[in-house]
Amino acid sequence: MTSPAPDELLLVGQITAPFGVQGQLKVRAITDKPEHLQRRVHTVYVGAPPRAFTLRRSAIHKPGVLIFTLAEVASREDAEALRNAEVFIREADAAPLDAEEYYIHQLFGLAVLTEDGSTLGQVREVLETGANEVLVVARRGQSDALIPMIHDVVQQIDVPGGKIVVRLIPGLLGDE
């Protein structure tokens, strides 16, 4: 089985440790829909470069922690060899998004506009700070702008339309 291209994959977790002696894996979930993995996903891609594994079973161990049983991992030693590896699925296998949902990678390259329609720049990166994401917006002839993804600032995210509309609050750009 050939591995998909990196831009076809979504990160869903990271293997933290073996679980038991029969090759099960403890996985820190990086998904808000772990139940989808249990019901719908049959192949996961592990490591770098990603290798395909058959997902026999996925169980929620506790909030934020899953237990995976992979067909190709038969012993604790096999599981130990995968410690700290990232776990991906194909984007096509992901749970359907609601109308207002998006994947972080879909924001890259979107135009960032102010409420009056002026172009601020283009999303170059998204920082995940823990409290909220921060858009790194490349501006022509100026330093990058850091735009917090909070309701007071981000007014609209239109992925199909290729734009994000923001409200500039005083001091946000550091040049006021």
Protein backbone atom coordinates (compact mmCIF):
# COMPACT_ATOMS: atom_id res chain seq x y z
CA MET A 1 0.00 0.00 0.00
CA THR A 2 1.46 3.35 -0.97
CA SER A 3 1.43 6.20 1.50
CA PRO A 4 -0.54 9.28 0.56
CA ALA A 5 1.13 12.62 -0.06
CA PRO A 6 1.78 14.65 3.11
CA ASP A 7 -0.87 17.21 2.16
CA GLU A 8 -3.49 14.43 2.09
CA LEU A 9 -2.90 13.51 5.74
CA LEU A 10 -4.34 14.86 8.99
CA LEU A 11 -2.60 14.48 12.33
CA VAL A 12 -4.89 12.70 14.80
CA GLY A 13 -2.52 11.66 17.56
CA GLN A 14 0.89 10.74 18.88
CA ILE A 15 1.91 7.36 20.26
CA THR A 16 3.04 7.86 23.85
CA ALA A 17 3.74 4.30 25.01
CA PRO A 18 3.02 0.61 24.56
CA PHE A 19 -0.11 -0.58 26.36
CA GLY A 20 -0.05 -4.14 27.64
CA VAL A 21 2.07 -6.94 26.18
CA GLN A 22 0.25 -7.69 22.93
CA GLY A 23 1.33 -4.67 20.91
CA GLN A 24 -1.40 -2.23 21.78
CA LEU A 25 -0.51 1.46 21.71
CA LYS A 26 -1.43 4.35 23.98
CA VAL A 27 -2.14 7.37 21.77
CA ARG A 28 -2.53 11.00 22.84
CA ALA A 29 -5.51 12.14 20.75
CA ILE A 30 -5.20 15.30 18.67
CA THR A 31 -8.75 15.14 17.38
CA ASP A 32 -12.06 16.31 18.74
CA LYS A 33 -13.86 13.34 17.17
CA PRO A 34 -12.14 10.19 18.52
CA GLU A 35 -15.35 8.20 18.14
CA HIS A 36 -15.01 8.63 14.36
CA LEU A 37 -11.72 6.72 14.51
CA GLN A 38 -13.50 3.89 16.31
CA ARG A 39 -16.26 3.56 13.72
CA ARG A 40 -14.95 4.68 10.35
CA VAL A 41 -11.16 4.61 10.03
CA HIS A 42 -9.47 1.38 8.94
CA THR A 43 -5.98 2.59 8.02
CA VAL A 44 -3.67 4.91 9.94
CA TYR A 45 -0.28 6.23 8.88
CA VAL A 46 2.46 6.24 11.49
CA GLY A 47 5.83 7.95 11.69
CA ALA A 48 7.95 9.87 9.23
CA PRO A 49 7.79 8.98 6.46
CA PRO A 50 4.28 7.72 7.21
CA ARG A 51 3.78 3.95 7.00
CA ALA A 52 0.33 2.41 6.59
CA PHE A 53 -1.05 0.25 9.40
CA THR A 54 -4.41 -1.52 9.63
CA LEU A 55 -6.42 -0.16 12.57
CA ARG A 56 -8.12 -3.20 14.08
CA ARG A 57 -9.50 -1.42 17.12
CA SER A 58 -9.59 2.04 18.65
CA ALA A 59 -10.89 2.56 22.17
CA ILE A 60 -11.20 5.64 24.33
CA HIS A 61 -9.06 4.90 27.40
CA LYS A 62 -9.77 8.22 29.11
CA PRO A 63 -10.37 11.77 27.84
CA GLY A 64 -7.67 12.61 25.32
CA VAL A 65 -6.13 9.12 25.36
CA LEU A 66 -6.91 6.30 22.94
CA ILE A 67 -5.77 2.69 22.79
CA PHE A 68 -5.00 1.45 19.28
CA THR A 69 -4.65 -2.14 18.16
CA LEU A 70 -2.81 -2.30 14.83
CA ALA A 71 -2.75 -5.56 12.85
CA GLU A 72 0.96 -5.23 12.08
CA VAL A 73 2.04 -4.60 15.70
CA ALA A 74 2.08 -7.90 17.59
CA SER A 75 4.34 -7.39 20.61
CA ARG A 76 5.25 -4.85 23.25
CA GLU A 77 8.65 -4.52 21.53
CA ASP A 78 6.98 -3.69 18.20
CA ALA A 79 4.86 -1.10 20.01
CA GLU A 80 7.89 0.37 21.79
CA ALA A 81 9.56 0.98 18.42
CA LEU A 82 6.68 3.34 17.56
CA ARG A 83 6.89 5.43 20.75
CA ASN A 84 6.59 9.19 20.05
CA ALA A 85 5.57 8.62 16.42
CA GLU A 86 2.78 10.79 15.06
CA VAL A 87 -0.41 9.12 13.80
CA PHE A 88 -2.21 10.39 10.70
CA ILE A 89 -5.30 9.53 8.69
CA ARG A 90 -6.22 10.48 5.14
CA GLU A 91 -8.19 13.72 5.04
CA ALA A 92 -10.76 11.83 2.93
CA ASP A 93 -11.29 9.45 5.90
CA ALA A 94 -11.87 12.26 8.41
CA ALA A 95 -15.24 13.01 9.96
CA PRO A 96 -17.31 15.39 7.84
CA LEU A 97 -16.96 19.00 8.91
CA ASP A 98 -19.91 21.10 10.02
CA ALA A 99 -20.65 24.24 8.01
CA GLU A 100 -18.62 26.51 10.32
CA GLU A 101 -15.70 24.08 10.77
CA TYR A 102 -12.38 23.94 8.94
CA TYR A 103 -8.97 22.34 9.21
CA ILE A 104 -6.13 24.61 10.30
CA HIS A 105 -4.17 23.83 7.13
CA GLN A 106 -7.06 25.21 5.06
CA LEU A 107 -6.34 28.69 6.44
CA PHE A 108 -2.86 28.88 4.88
CA GLY A 109 -2.85 31.27 1.95
CA LEU A 110 -6.24 32.84 2.70
CA ALA A 111 -6.51 36.60 2.19
CA VAL A 112 -7.00 38.56 5.42
CA LEU A 113 -9.27 41.58 5.01
CA THR A 114 -10.38 44.25 7.43
CA GLU A 115 -14.07 44.99 7.97
CA ASP A 116 -13.88 47.85 5.48
CA GLY A 117 -12.57 45.48 2.78
CA SER A 118 -8.92 46.59 2.89
CA THR A 119 -6.39 43.82 2.35
CA LEU A 120 -4.22 43.23 5.40
CA GLY A 121 -2.22 40.34 3.96
CA GLN A 122 -2.19 36.57 3.58
CA VAL A 123 -2.12 33.79 6.20
CA ARG A 124 1.41 32.40 6.26
CA GLU A 125 1.20 30.30 9.41
CA VAL A 126 -1.12 29.42 12.29
CA LEU A 127 0.38 29.29 15.78
CA GLU A 128 -1.31 27.04 18.31
CA THR A 129 -0.73 28.72 21.66
CA GLY A 130 -3.02 26.68 23.87
CA ALA A 131 -5.40 29.53 24.68
CA ASN A 132 -6.28 30.28 21.06
CA GLU A 133 -4.72 30.05 17.63
CA VAL A 134 -2.86 33.05 16.22
CA LEU A 135 -2.76 33.86 12.51
CA VAL A 136 0.62 34.95 11.19
CA VAL A 137 -0.30 37.31 8.37
CA ALA A 138 2.34 38.22 5.79
CA ARG A 139 1.97 41.91 4.88
CA ARG A 140 3.52 43.46 1.80
CA GLY A 141 6.42 45.75 2.77
CA GLN A 142 5.77 45.37 6.51
CA SER A 143 6.49 42.92 9.28
CA ASP A 144 4.09 40.02 9.79
CA ALA A 145 0.93 40.75 11.77
CA LEU A 146 -0.08 38.42 14.59
CA ILE A 147 -3.87 38.16 14.67
CA PRO A 148 -5.46 36.25 17.58
CA MET A 149 -8.30 33.98 16.51
CA ILE A 150 -10.81 35.29 19.04
CA HIS A 151 -14.42 36.38 18.46
CA ASP A 152 -13.67 40.06 19.08
CA VAL A 153 -11.17 40.06 16.21
CA VAL A 154 -12.09 37.38 13.66
CA GLN A 155 -15.45 38.26 12.16
CA GLN A 156 -15.67 35.73 9.32
CA ILE A 157 -13.75 32.73 8.03
CA ASP A 158 -14.76 31.90 4.46
CA VAL A 159 -12.58 29.00 3.34
CA PRO A 160 -14.41 28.45 0.01
CA GLY A 161 -14.25 32.21 -0.65
CA GLY A 162 -10.56 32.33 0.25
CA LYS A 163 -10.79 35.03 2.91
CA ILE A 164 -10.81 35.89 6.59
CA VAL A 165 -12.38 39.16 7.75
CA VAL A 166 -10.95 40.74 10.91
CA ARG A 167 -11.84 43.69 13.12
CA LEU A 168 -8.76 45.75 13.93
CA ILE A 169 -8.89 46.61 17.61
CA PRO A 170 -6.60 49.39 18.92
CA GLY A 171 -2.98 48.28 19.25
CA LEU A 172 -3.48 45.02 17.38
CA LEU A 173 -0.98 45.83 14.65
CA GLY A 174 1.41 47.67 16.97
CA ASP A 175 1.49 50.70 14.67
CA GLU A 176 -1.31 52.76 16.17
